[in-house]
Amino acid sequence: MHALNQAFRVSLIVYHSGVRPSNTHTGSLPESSSKALGKMNRFFWLPTPEAYAPPVDWLENSSAHIFRVDLPGVSKKDVQVHVHDDNTMEINGEVKFSDEKEPATWHASERYQGRFHRRFHLPDNVRVDDVKAGIEGGVLTITIPKKPQPKVGVRSVPVVSKL
């Protein structure tokens, strides 16, 4: 199988009357379609169950680096944040569906379900021992304070006639 064809896959959800879709079938695209999808992926990222990554905003202000991760429906027990001594941060977790108690006919099921993983290389100016994380309203916010910047000052040096 062509390497590009392996990289881009299409997930098809099989529906059965009265049963929620539980499995996805992954099939390969023809080579010409894979190339077109590869070009399209430069502009539009299309997540598949094999490569889900929740969207992240990373901003830096004068005192901290702030990460905001969209995780609708994920509780704090289903997400972990790890910061390593080599200034890398990992965000891991799982998106779970609540099972319907009564029989229902599903007409669409487009939300992602399963595990996710994100990794970021942090700059040298962060204090990895003082990271804070919280989740509210489906958004995980991680705040990593910056190290204080050394003050760069100018000192006058008196000039003498003899040393």
C-alpha atoms as a PDB file:
ATOM      1  CA  MET A   1       0.000   0.000   0.000  1.00  0.00           C
ATOM      2  CA  HIS A   2       1.324   3.439  -0.892  1.00  0.00           C
ATOM      3  CA  ALA A   3       2.683   5.399   2.139  1.00  0.00           C
ATOM      4  CA  LEU A   4       0.529   8.444   1.389  1.00  0.00           C
ATOM      5  CA  ASN A   5      -2.495   6.185   1.074  1.00  0.00           C
ATOM      6  CA  GLN A   6      -1.763   4.823   4.575  1.00  0.00           C
ATOM      7  CA  ALA A   7      -1.444   8.293   6.060  1.00  0.00           C
ATOM      8  CA  PHE A   8      -4.873   9.559   4.987  1.00  0.00           C
ATOM      9  CA  ARG A   9      -7.861   7.377   5.786  1.00  0.00           C
ATOM     10  CA  VAL A  10     -11.596   7.798   5.628  1.00  0.00           C
ATOM     11  CA  SER A  11     -13.749   6.689   8.516  1.00  0.00           C
ATOM     12  CA  LEU A  12     -17.205   5.414   7.697  1.00  0.00           C
ATOM     13  CA  ILE A  13     -19.796   5.012  10.445  1.00  0.00           C
ATOM     14  CA  VAL A  14     -22.200   2.128   9.999  1.00  0.00           C
ATOM     15  CA  TYR A  15     -25.744   2.817  11.235  1.00  0.00           C
ATOM     16  CA  HIS A  16     -28.279   0.223  12.289  1.00  0.00           C
ATOM     17  CA  SER A  17     -31.906   1.054  13.025  1.00  0.00           C
ATOM     18  CA  GLY A  18     -32.412   1.537  16.749  1.00  0.00           C
ATOM     19  CA  VAL A  19     -28.745   0.972  17.614  1.00  0.00           C
ATOM     20  CA  ARG A  20     -26.151   3.601  18.310  1.00  0.00           C
ATOM     21  CA  PRO A  21     -23.092   3.281  16.069  1.00  0.00           C
ATOM     22  CA  SER A  22     -20.311   1.785  18.140  1.00  0.00           C
ATOM     23  CA  ASN A  23     -17.611   0.954  15.608  1.00  0.00           C
ATOM     24  CA  THR A  24     -16.037   2.750  12.715  1.00  0.00           C
ATOM     25  CA  HIS A  25     -14.765   1.094   9.605  1.00  0.00           C
ATOM     26  CA  THR A  26     -11.535   2.491   8.244  1.00  0.00           C
ATOM     27  CA  GLY A  27     -10.850   1.995   4.572  1.00  0.00           C
ATOM     28  CA  SER A  28      -8.142   3.238   2.248  1.00  0.00           C
ATOM     29  CA  LEU A  29      -8.622   5.906  -0.354  1.00  0.00           C
ATOM     30  CA  PRO A  30      -7.511   5.508  -3.941  1.00  0.00           C
ATOM     31  CA  GLU A  31      -4.086   7.097  -4.499  1.00  0.00           C
ATOM     32  CA  SER A  32      -5.471  10.066  -6.468  1.00  0.00           C
ATOM     33  CA  SER A  33      -7.952  10.838  -3.677  1.00  0.00           C
ATOM     34  CA  SER A  34      -5.205  10.536  -1.053  1.00  0.00           C
ATOM     35  CA  LYS A  35      -3.082  13.104  -2.864  1.00  0.00           C
ATOM     36  CA  ALA A  36      -6.024  15.511  -3.138  1.00  0.00           C
ATOM     37  CA  LEU A  37      -6.880  15.019   0.541  1.00  0.00           C
ATOM     38  CA  GLY A  38      -3.234  15.582   1.462  1.00  0.00           C
ATOM     39  CA  LYS A  39      -3.258  18.933  -0.339  1.00  0.00           C
ATOM     40  CA  MET A  40      -6.575  19.858   1.281  1.00  0.00           C
ATOM     41  CA  ASN A  41      -5.254  18.923   4.738  1.00  0.00           C
ATOM     42  CA  ARG A  42      -2.732  21.768   4.483  1.00  0.00           C
ATOM     43  CA  PHE A  43      -5.681  24.158   4.788  1.00  0.00           C
ATOM     44  CA  PHE A  44      -8.297  22.120   6.662  1.00  0.00           C
ATOM     45  CA  TRP A  45      -7.345  19.654   9.344  1.00  0.00           C
ATOM     46  CA  LEU A  46      -9.827  16.779   9.253  1.00  0.00           C
ATOM     47  CA  PRO A  47      -9.607  14.676  12.441  1.00  0.00           C
ATOM     48  CA  THR A  48     -10.062  10.929  12.268  1.00  0.00           C
ATOM     49  CA  PRO A  49     -10.211   8.445  15.135  1.00  0.00           C
ATOM     50  CA  GLU A  50      -6.556   7.625  14.429  1.00  0.00           C
ATOM     51  CA  ALA A  51      -5.387  11.247  14.796  1.00  0.00           C
ATOM     52  CA  TYR A  52      -7.646  13.296  17.049  1.00  0.00           C
ATOM     53  CA  ALA A  53      -6.117  16.376  18.639  1.00  0.00           C
ATOM     54  CA  PRO A  54      -8.360  18.843  20.452  1.00  0.00           C
ATOM     55  CA  PRO A  55      -7.908  22.473  19.335  1.00  0.00           C
ATOM     56  CA  VAL A  56      -5.506  24.517  21.458  1.00  0.00           C
ATOM     57  CA  ASP A  57      -4.851  28.244  21.836  1.00  0.00           C
ATOM     58  CA  TRP A  58      -1.413  29.169  23.261  1.00  0.00           C
ATOM     59  CA  LEU A  59      -0.843  32.752  24.248  1.00  0.00           C
ATOM     60  CA  GLU A  60       1.912  34.517  26.128  1.00  0.00           C
ATOM     61  CA  ASN A  61       1.505  37.644  28.186  1.00  0.00           C
ATOM     62  CA  SER A  62       3.995  39.514  30.373  1.00  0.00           C
ATOM     63  CA  SER A  63       3.721  37.054  33.269  1.00  0.00           C
ATOM     64  CA  ALA A  64       2.738  33.622  31.889  1.00  0.00           C
ATOM     65  CA  HIS A  65       2.109  31.216  29.018  1.00  0.00           C
ATOM     66  CA  ILE A  66      -1.576  30.282  28.856  1.00  0.00           C
ATOM     67  CA  PHE A  67      -3.004  27.260  27.049  1.00  0.00           C
ATOM     68  CA  ARG A  68      -6.730  26.853  26.360  1.00  0.00           C
ATOM     69  CA  VAL A  69      -7.899  23.455  25.126  1.00  0.00           C
ATOM     70  CA  ASP A  70     -11.447  22.796  23.875  1.00  0.00           C
ATOM     71  CA  LEU A  71     -12.681  19.674  25.673  1.00  0.00           C
ATOM     72  CA  PRO A  72     -16.497  19.792  25.688  1.00  0.00           C
ATOM     73  CA  GLY A  73     -18.036  17.155  27.915  1.00  0.00           C
ATOM     74  CA  VAL A  74     -14.699  16.081  29.451  1.00  0.00           C
ATOM     75  CA  SER A  75     -14.491  16.060  33.245  1.00  0.00           C
ATOM     76  CA  LYS A  76     -11.358  16.788  35.252  1.00  0.00           C
ATOM     77  CA  LYS A  77     -10.953  13.087  36.093  1.00  0.00           C
ATOM     78  CA  ASP A  78     -10.659  12.278  32.366  1.00  0.00           C
ATOM     79  CA  VAL A  79      -7.762  14.644  31.572  1.00  0.00           C
ATOM     80  CA  GLN A  80      -4.139  14.689  32.751  1.00  0.00           C
ATOM     81  CA  VAL A  81      -1.485  17.380  32.362  1.00  0.00           C
ATOM     82  CA  HIS A  82       2.206  16.486  32.780  1.00  0.00           C
ATOM     83  CA  VAL A  83       5.129  18.920  32.642  1.00  0.00           C
ATOM     84  CA  HIS A  84       8.563  17.307  32.323  1.00  0.00           C
ATOM     85  CA  ASP A  85      11.953  18.639  33.390  1.00  0.00           C
ATOM     86  CA  ASP A  86      12.992  18.936  29.736  1.00  0.00           C
ATOM     87  CA  ASN A  87      10.345  21.684  29.286  1.00  0.00           C
ATOM     88  CA  THR A  88       7.786  19.544  27.495  1.00  0.00           C
ATOM     89  CA  MET A  89       4.130  19.483  28.447  1.00  0.00           C
ATOM     90  CA  GLU A  90       1.743  16.640  27.650  1.00  0.00           C
ATOM     91  CA  ILE A  91      -2.035  16.761  27.742  1.00  0.00           C
ATOM     92  CA  ASN A  92      -3.743  13.349  27.731  1.00  0.00           C
ATOM     93  CA  GLY A  93      -7.314  12.358  28.193  1.00  0.00           C
ATOM     94  CA  GLU A  94     -10.411  10.640  26.975  1.00  0.00           C
ATOM     95  CA  VAL A  95     -13.677  11.875  25.497  1.00  0.00           C
ATOM     96  CA  LYS A  96     -16.530   9.588  26.572  1.00  0.00           C
ATOM     97  CA  PHE A  97     -20.140   9.414  25.457  1.00  0.00           C
ATOM     98  CA  SER A  98     -22.883   8.857  27.958  1.00  0.00           C
ATOM     99  CA  ASP A  99     -24.783   5.708  27.046  1.00  0.00           C
ATOM    100  CA  GLU A 100     -28.459   6.185  26.323  1.00  0.00           C
ATOM    101  CA  LYS A 101     -30.607   4.247  28.779  1.00  0.00           C
ATOM    102  CA  GLU A 102     -33.588   3.737  26.504  1.00  0.00           C
ATOM    103  CA  PRO A 103     -33.567   2.483  22.907  1.00  0.00           C
ATOM    104  CA  ALA A 104     -33.116   5.227  20.344  1.00  0.00           C
ATOM    105  CA  THR A 105     -32.626   5.597  16.624  1.00  0.00           C
ATOM    106  CA  TRP A 106     -29.429   7.478  15.844  1.00  0.00           C
ATOM    107  CA  HIS A 107     -29.567   9.746  12.797  1.00  0.00           C
ATOM    108  CA  ALA A 108     -26.052  11.143  13.160  1.00  0.00           C
ATOM    109  CA  SER A 109     -23.079  10.685  15.443  1.00  0.00           C
ATOM    110  CA  GLU A 110     -20.284  13.110  14.561  1.00  0.00           C
ATOM    111  CA  ARG A 111     -18.643  13.879  17.900  1.00  0.00           C
ATOM    112  CA  TYR A 112     -15.256  12.346  18.640  1.00  0.00           C
ATOM    113  CA  GLN A 113     -15.013   9.564  21.217  1.00  0.00           C
ATOM    114  CA  GLY A 114     -11.756   8.107  22.482  1.00  0.00           C
ATOM    115  CA  ARG A 115      -8.298   9.019  23.745  1.00  0.00           C
ATOM    116  CA  PHE A 116      -6.313  12.082  22.752  1.00  0.00           C
ATOM    117  CA  HIS A 117      -2.742  13.291  23.278  1.00  0.00           C
ATOM    118  CA  ARG A 118      -1.028  16.645  22.730  1.00  0.00           C
ATOM    119  CA  ARG A 119       2.622  17.565  23.408  1.00  0.00           C
ATOM    120  CA  PHE A 120       4.219  21.017  23.492  1.00  0.00           C
ATOM    121  CA  HIS A 121       7.840  22.127  23.787  1.00  0.00           C
ATOM    122  CA  LEU A 122       7.919  25.003  26.247  1.00  0.00           C
ATOM    123  CA  PRO A 123      10.387  27.887  26.099  1.00  0.00           C
ATOM    124  CA  ASP A 124      13.200  28.221  28.639  1.00  0.00           C
ATOM    125  CA  ASN A 125      11.540  31.154  30.422  1.00  0.00           C
ATOM    126  CA  VAL A 126       8.837  29.068  32.197  1.00  0.00           C
ATOM    127  CA  ARG A 127       8.622  27.937  35.816  1.00  0.00           C
ATOM    128  CA  VAL A 128       7.655  24.273  35.433  1.00  0.00           C
ATOM    129  CA  ASP A 129       7.283  23.863  39.212  1.00  0.00           C
ATOM    130  CA  ASP A 130       4.367  26.327  39.423  1.00  0.00           C
ATOM    131  CA  VAL A 131       1.892  25.141  36.746  1.00  0.00           C
ATOM    132  CA  LYS A 132      -1.861  25.483  37.350  1.00  0.00           C
ATOM    133  CA  ALA A 133      -4.642  23.754  35.405  1.00  0.00           C
ATOM    134  CA  GLY A 134      -8.423  23.912  35.623  1.00  0.00           C
ATOM    135  CA  ILE A 135     -11.379  22.926  33.484  1.00  0.00           C
ATOM    136  CA  GLU A 136     -14.591  24.930  33.257  1.00  0.00           C
ATOM    137  CA  GLY A 137     -17.303  25.160  30.623  1.00  0.00           C
ATOM    138  CA  GLY A 138     -15.593  22.585  28.399  1.00  0.00           C
ATOM    139  CA  VAL A 139     -12.302  24.510  28.263  1.00  0.00           C
ATOM    140  CA  LEU A 140      -9.116  23.312  29.963  1.00  0.00           C
ATOM    141  CA  THR A 141      -6.943  26.290  30.940  1.00  0.00           C
ATOM    142  CA  ILE A 142      -3.283  25.728  31.816  1.00  0.00           C
ATOM    143  CA  THR A 143      -1.239  28.630  33.184  1.00  0.00           C
ATOM    144  CA  ILE A 144       2.550  28.383  33.307  1.00  0.00           C
ATOM    145  CA  PRO A 145       4.195  31.378  34.971  1.00  0.00           C
ATOM    146  CA  LYS A 146       7.334  32.895  33.482  1.00  0.00           C
ATOM    147  CA  LYS A 147      10.649  33.134  35.290  1.00  0.00           C
ATOM    148  CA  PRO A 148      11.446  36.670  36.362  1.00  0.00           C
ATOM    149  CA  GLN A 149      13.606  38.414  33.808  1.00  0.00           C
ATOM    150  CA  PRO A 150      16.988  39.578  35.089  1.00  0.00           C
ATOM    151  CA  LYS A 151      17.081  43.320  35.346  1.00  0.00           C
ATOM    152  CA  VAL A 152      19.325  44.827  32.782  1.00  0.00           C
ATOM    153  CA  GLY A 153      20.639  48.041  34.147  1.00  0.00           C
ATOM    154  CA  VAL A 154      23.369  50.441  33.363  1.00  0.00           C
ATOM    155  CA  ARG A 155      25.935  51.259  35.975  1.00  0.00           C
ATOM    156  CA  SER A 156      28.252  54.173  35.752  1.00  0.00           C
ATOM    157  CA  VAL A 157      31.878  53.307  36.227  1.00  0.00           C
ATOM    158  CA  PRO A 158      33.994  56.125  37.575  1.00  0.00           C
ATOM    159  CA  VAL A 159      37.087  56.833  35.564  1.00  0.00           C
ATOM    160  CA  VAL A 160      40.224  57.452  37.620  1.00  0.00           C
ATOM    161  CA  SER A 161      43.589  58.694  36.500  1.00  0.00           C
ATOM    162  CA  LYS A 162      45.520  55.685  37.886  1.00  0.00           C
ATOM    163  CA  LEU A 163      44.491  52.123  38.648  1.00  0.00           C
END
